[in-house]
Amino acid sequence: MSLQSSEFKHIVIDPSGLAYISGTTMKVRELVLEYKSYGWTAEQLFKQHPDLTMSQIHAALAYYFDHSALLDSEIQQDLASIERLGVVGLDPAAKKKLDQFRQS
């Protein structure tokens, strides 16, 4: 897969337009979902993802703030797909946060 650099140092874009944290397989929207669903700070995200640097986390969040409408739409589509598939076993607290996210 060919990745293009973005205007953000630690963010790359794949051919379909998805933003990834460079040097990883993590999509920016995955990190953003944790940020929004759990209300985690950059420091808390770092504790959950010690394989990422603080610079990568801050770049992902900055990318999100500059592209929030697009990423929020992608996250909504992901959540709708999960519901269609009937995925079970989601932590009740996480489900509550995701429901709150959907309503925002």
N, C-alpha and C. Protein backbone atom coordinates (compact mmCIF):
# COMPACT_ATOMS: atom_id res chain seq x y z
N MET A 1 0.85 -1.17 0.00
CA MET A 1 0.00 0.00 0.00
C MET A 1 0.89 1.23 0.00
N SER A 2 0.58 2.14 -0.85
CA SER A 2 1.33 3.39 -0.96
C SER A 2 0.70 4.46 -0.07
N LEU A 3 1.50 5.02 0.81
CA LEU A 3 1.02 6.06 1.71
C LEU A 3 1.60 7.40 1.32
N GLN A 4 0.80 8.44 1.47
CA GLN A 4 1.26 9.79 1.18
C GLN A 4 1.43 10.54 2.49
N SER A 5 2.41 11.40 2.54
CA SER A 5 2.57 12.27 3.69
C SER A 5 1.41 13.25 3.73
N SER A 6 1.13 13.74 4.90
CA SER A 6 0.10 14.78 5.05
C SER A 6 0.81 16.04 5.54
N GLU A 7 0.01 17.07 5.78
CA GLU A 7 0.60 18.30 6.31
C GLU A 7 1.02 18.15 7.76
N PHE A 8 0.69 17.00 8.36
CA PHE A 8 1.05 16.72 9.75
C PHE A 8 2.19 15.72 9.76
N LYS A 9 3.22 16.03 10.51
CA LYS A 9 4.47 15.26 10.50
C LYS A 9 4.26 13.76 10.71
N HIS A 10 3.41 13.37 11.62
CA HIS A 10 3.27 11.95 11.98
C HIS A 10 2.03 11.29 11.40
N ILE A 11 1.43 11.91 10.40
CA ILE A 11 0.21 11.38 9.82
C ILE A 11 0.43 11.10 8.33
N VAL A 12 0.01 9.91 7.89
CA VAL A 12 0.07 9.56 6.48
C VAL A 12 -1.34 9.19 6.01
N ILE A 13 -1.56 9.33 4.72
CA ILE A 13 -2.86 9.07 4.12
C ILE A 13 -2.73 7.92 3.14
N ASP A 14 -3.62 6.92 3.25
CA ASP A 14 -3.56 5.80 2.30
C ASP A 14 -4.30 6.19 1.01
N PRO A 15 -4.21 5.37 -0.04
CA PRO A 15 -4.83 5.73 -1.31
C PRO A 15 -6.34 5.97 -1.24
N SER A 16 -7.01 5.36 -0.26
CA SER A 16 -8.46 5.57 -0.13
C SER A 16 -8.80 6.82 0.68
N GLY A 17 -7.76 7.49 1.19
CA GLY A 17 -7.99 8.73 1.95
C GLY A 17 -8.01 8.56 3.45
N LEU A 18 -7.78 7.35 3.95
CA LEU A 18 -7.77 7.13 5.40
C LEU A 18 -6.45 7.62 6.01
N ALA A 19 -6.57 8.30 7.14
CA ALA A 19 -5.39 8.82 7.83
C ALA A 19 -4.89 7.80 8.85
N TYR A 20 -3.61 7.55 8.82
CA TYR A 20 -2.94 6.62 9.75
C TYR A 20 -1.85 7.37 10.50
N ILE A 21 -1.53 6.86 11.67
CA ILE A 21 -0.37 7.36 12.40
C ILE A 21 0.85 6.72 11.75
N SER A 22 1.79 7.53 11.29
CA SER A 22 2.93 7.02 10.53
C SER A 22 3.71 5.99 11.34
N GLY A 23 4.18 4.96 10.63
CA GLY A 23 4.95 3.91 11.25
C GLY A 23 4.11 2.90 12.01
N THR A 24 2.78 3.01 11.91
CA THR A 24 1.88 2.09 12.61
C THR A 24 0.77 1.66 11.66
N THR A 25 -0.07 0.77 12.15
CA THR A 25 -1.28 0.39 11.42
C THR A 25 -2.51 1.04 12.03
N MET A 26 -2.30 1.96 12.97
CA MET A 26 -3.43 2.59 13.66
C MET A 26 -3.99 3.75 12.86
N LYS A 27 -5.30 3.67 12.62
CA LYS A 27 -5.99 4.77 11.96
C LYS A 27 -6.17 5.90 12.97
N VAL A 28 -6.07 7.11 12.49
CA VAL A 28 -6.27 8.28 13.35
C VAL A 28 -7.65 8.19 14.00
N ARG A 29 -8.64 7.78 13.24
CA ARG A 29 -10.01 7.74 13.80
C ARG A 29 -10.14 6.73 14.93
N GLU A 30 -9.31 5.69 14.96
CA GLU A 30 -9.35 4.73 16.07
C GLU A 30 -8.91 5.41 17.37
N LEU A 31 -7.85 6.19 17.28
CA LEU A 31 -7.37 6.91 18.45
C LEU A 31 -8.37 7.98 18.87
N VAL A 32 -8.96 8.64 17.90
CA VAL A 32 -9.96 9.68 18.17
C VAL A 32 -11.18 9.07 18.86
N LEU A 33 -11.57 7.89 18.44
CA LEU A 33 -12.72 7.24 19.06
C LEU A 33 -12.46 7.00 20.54
N GLU A 34 -11.26 6.59 20.88
CA GLU A 34 -10.91 6.42 22.30
C GLU A 34 -10.91 7.76 23.02
N TYR A 35 -10.34 8.76 22.36
CA TYR A 35 -10.29 10.10 22.94
C TYR A 35 -11.70 10.60 23.26
N LYS A 36 -12.61 10.42 22.31
CA LYS A 36 -13.97 10.93 22.49
C LYS A 36 -14.83 10.02 23.36
N SER A 37 -14.71 8.71 23.18
CA SER A 37 -15.56 7.78 23.91
C SER A 37 -15.22 7.72 25.39
N TYR A 38 -13.94 7.68 25.69
CA TYR A 38 -13.52 7.55 27.09
C TYR A 38 -13.17 8.90 27.72
N GLY A 39 -13.05 9.93 26.90
CA GLY A 39 -12.68 11.24 27.43
C GLY A 39 -11.23 11.29 27.88
N TRP A 40 -10.40 10.42 27.27
CA TRP A 40 -8.99 10.35 27.66
C TRP A 40 -8.21 11.55 27.15
N THR A 41 -7.27 11.98 27.97
CA THR A 41 -6.32 13.02 27.58
C THR A 41 -5.22 12.38 26.73
N ALA A 42 -4.36 13.21 26.16
CA ALA A 42 -3.23 12.69 25.39
C ALA A 42 -2.34 11.81 26.28
N GLU A 43 -2.18 12.19 27.51
CA GLU A 43 -1.36 11.40 28.43
C GLU A 43 -1.99 10.04 28.70
N GLN A 44 -3.31 10.01 28.84
CA GLN A 44 -3.99 8.73 29.07
C GLN A 44 -3.94 7.86 27.82
N LEU A 45 -4.06 8.47 26.66
CA LEU A 45 -3.92 7.71 25.42
C LEU A 45 -2.52 7.11 25.32
N PHE A 46 -1.52 7.88 25.73
CA PHE A 46 -0.14 7.40 25.71
C PHE A 46 0.03 6.19 26.63
N LYS A 47 -0.60 6.22 27.79
CA LYS A 47 -0.52 5.08 28.72
C LYS A 47 -1.18 3.84 28.12
N GLN A 48 -2.24 4.04 27.35
CA GLN A 48 -2.92 2.92 26.71
C GLN A 48 -2.19 2.42 25.46
N HIS A 49 -1.39 3.28 24.87
CA HIS A 49 -0.67 2.94 23.64
C HIS A 49 0.81 3.30 23.77
N PRO A 50 1.54 2.56 24.60
CA PRO A 50 2.95 2.89 24.81
C PRO A 50 3.81 2.72 23.56
N ASP A 51 3.25 2.08 22.52
CA ASP A 51 3.98 1.94 21.27
C ASP A 51 3.95 3.23 20.46
N LEU A 52 3.07 4.17 20.84
CA LEU A 52 3.01 5.47 20.17
C LEU A 52 3.81 6.49 20.97
N THR A 53 4.32 7.49 20.27
CA THR A 53 5.00 8.58 20.96
C THR A 53 3.97 9.68 21.27
N MET A 54 4.31 10.54 22.19
CA MET A 54 3.43 11.67 22.49
C MET A 54 3.28 12.55 21.25
N SER A 55 4.33 12.67 20.47
CA SER A 55 4.25 13.47 19.23
C SER A 55 3.24 12.86 18.27
N GLN A 56 3.23 11.55 18.13
CA GLN A 56 2.26 10.90 17.25
C GLN A 56 0.84 11.12 17.75
N ILE A 57 0.64 11.01 19.05
CA ILE A 57 -0.70 11.21 19.63
C ILE A 57 -1.16 12.64 19.42
N HIS A 58 -0.30 13.59 19.70
CA HIS A 58 -0.68 15.00 19.51
C HIS A 58 -0.93 15.31 18.03
N ALA A 59 -0.14 14.71 17.15
CA ALA A 59 -0.36 14.93 15.71
C ALA A 59 -1.71 14.36 15.29
N ALA A 60 -2.06 13.18 15.80
CA ALA A 60 -3.35 12.57 15.47
C ALA A 60 -4.50 13.44 15.96
N LEU A 61 -4.37 13.96 17.17
CA LEU A 61 -5.43 14.83 17.70
C LEU A 61 -5.50 16.14 16.92
N ALA A 62 -4.35 16.69 16.56
CA ALA A 62 -4.35 17.92 15.77
C ALA A 62 -4.99 17.67 14.40
N TYR A 63 -4.66 16.53 13.80
CA TYR A 63 -5.28 16.18 12.52
C TYR A 63 -6.79 16.09 12.69
N TYR A 64 -7.22 15.47 13.78
CA TYR A 64 -8.66 15.36 14.03
C TYR A 64 -9.30 16.74 14.14
N PHE A 65 -8.71 17.63 14.91
CA PHE A 65 -9.32 18.94 15.10
C PHE A 65 -9.41 19.72 13.78
N ASP A 66 -8.48 19.47 12.87
CA ASP A 66 -8.53 20.13 11.56
C ASP A 66 -9.47 19.43 10.57
N HIS A 67 -9.81 18.16 10.85
CA HIS A 67 -10.64 17.37 9.94
C HIS A 67 -11.78 16.68 10.69
N SER A 68 -12.32 17.32 11.70
CA SER A 68 -13.30 16.66 12.58
C SER A 68 -14.56 16.23 11.86
N ALA A 69 -15.07 17.02 10.95
CA ALA A 69 -16.31 16.64 10.25
C ALA A 69 -16.11 15.34 9.48
N LEU A 70 -15.00 15.23 8.77
CA LEU A 70 -14.71 14.02 8.01
C LEU A 70 -14.54 12.81 8.93
N LEU A 71 -13.72 12.95 9.96
CA LEU A 71 -13.45 11.82 10.85
C LEU A 71 -14.69 11.44 11.65
N ASP A 72 -15.47 12.42 12.10
CA ASP A 72 -16.71 12.10 12.82
C ASP A 72 -17.65 11.31 11.92
N SER A 73 -17.71 11.67 10.65
CA SER A 73 -18.55 10.95 9.69
C SER A 73 -18.05 9.51 9.52
N GLU A 74 -16.74 9.33 9.40
CA GLU A 74 -16.17 7.99 9.26
C GLU A 74 -16.47 7.15 10.50
N ILE A 75 -16.36 7.76 11.68
CA ILE A 75 -16.64 7.04 12.93
C ILE A 75 -18.11 6.64 12.99
N GLN A 76 -19.00 7.54 12.59
CA GLN A 76 -20.43 7.22 12.57
C GLN A 76 -20.70 6.05 11.63
N GLN A 77 -20.04 6.02 10.49
CA GLN A 77 -20.21 4.91 9.55
C GLN A 77 -19.71 3.60 10.16
N ASP A 78 -18.58 3.66 10.85
CA ASP A 78 -18.05 2.47 11.52
C ASP A 78 -19.04 1.96 12.57
N LEU A 79 -19.60 2.87 13.36
CA LEU A 79 -20.55 2.48 14.41
C LEU A 79 -21.81 1.87 13.80
N ALA A 80 -22.27 2.42 12.70
CA ALA A 80 -23.45 1.87 12.02
C ALA A 80 -23.15 0.45 11.50
N SER A 81 -21.94 0.23 11.00
CA SER A 81 -21.55 -1.10 10.52
C SER A 81 -21.52 -2.09 11.67
N ILE A 82 -21.00 -1.66 12.80
CA ILE A 82 -20.95 -2.53 13.97
C ILE A 82 -22.36 -2.92 14.40
N GLU A 83 -23.27 -1.96 14.41
CA GLU A 83 -24.65 -2.25 14.79
C GLU A 83 -25.30 -3.20 13.80
N ARG A 84 -25.05 -3.01 12.51
CA ARG A 84 -25.62 -3.89 11.49
C ARG A 84 -25.12 -5.32 11.66
N LEU A 85 -23.87 -5.46 12.05
CA LEU A 85 -23.29 -6.78 12.22
C LEU A 85 -23.73 -7.43 13.53
N GLY A 86 -24.29 -6.62 14.42
CA GLY A 86 -24.76 -7.16 15.68
C GLY A 86 -23.65 -7.57 16.62
N VAL A 87 -22.56 -6.82 16.59
CA VAL A 87 -21.43 -7.13 17.46
C VAL A 87 -21.87 -7.00 18.91
N VAL A 88 -21.57 -8.02 19.71
CA VAL A 88 -21.97 -8.02 21.12
C VAL A 88 -20.74 -8.00 22.00
N GLY A 89 -20.97 -7.79 23.28
CA GLY A 89 -19.88 -7.86 24.24
C GLY A 89 -19.20 -6.53 24.50
N LEU A 90 -19.78 -5.45 24.02
CA LEU A 90 -19.18 -4.14 24.27
C LEU A 90 -19.39 -3.76 25.72
N ASP A 91 -18.35 -3.32 26.35
CA ASP A 91 -18.40 -2.86 27.73
C ASP A 91 -19.53 -1.83 27.88
N PRO A 92 -20.43 -2.00 28.87
CA PRO A 92 -21.56 -1.07 29.02
C PRO A 92 -21.14 0.40 29.14
N ALA A 93 -20.05 0.67 29.83
CA ALA A 93 -19.58 2.05 29.97
C ALA A 93 -19.12 2.58 28.60
N ALA A 94 -18.44 1.75 27.84
CA ALA A 94 -17.99 2.16 26.51
C ALA A 94 -19.19 2.37 25.60
N LYS A 95 -20.20 1.47 25.71
CA LYS A 95 -21.40 1.63 24.89
C LYS A 95 -22.10 2.95 25.21
N LYS A 96 -22.16 3.29 26.49
CA LYS A 96 -22.79 4.56 26.89
C LYS A 96 -22.03 5.74 26.28
N LYS A 97 -20.71 5.70 26.33
CA LYS A 97 -19.91 6.78 25.75
C LYS A 97 -20.11 6.85 24.24
N LEU A 98 -20.16 5.69 23.57
CA LEU A 98 -20.38 5.69 22.13
C LEU A 98 -21.75 6.25 21.78
N ASP A 99 -22.76 5.90 22.59
CA ASP A 99 -24.09 6.47 22.37
C ASP A 99 -24.08 7.97 22.51
N GLN A 100 -23.34 8.47 23.51
CA GLN A 100 -23.22 9.91 23.70
C GLN A 100 -22.52 10.56 22.50
N PHE A 101 -21.50 9.88 21.99
CA PHE A 101 -20.77 10.38 20.83
C PHE A 101 -21.71 10.49 19.64
N ARG A 102 -22.52 9.45 19.42
CA ARG A 102 -23.45 9.46 18.29
C ARG A 102 -24.44 10.60 18.38
N GLN A 103 -24.81 10.97 19.57
CA GLN A 103 -25.79 12.04 19.76
C GLN A 103 -25.19 13.43 19.66
N SER A 104 -23.86 13.51 19.71
CA SER A 104 -23.21 14.83 19.65
C SER A 104 -23.09 15.35 18.25
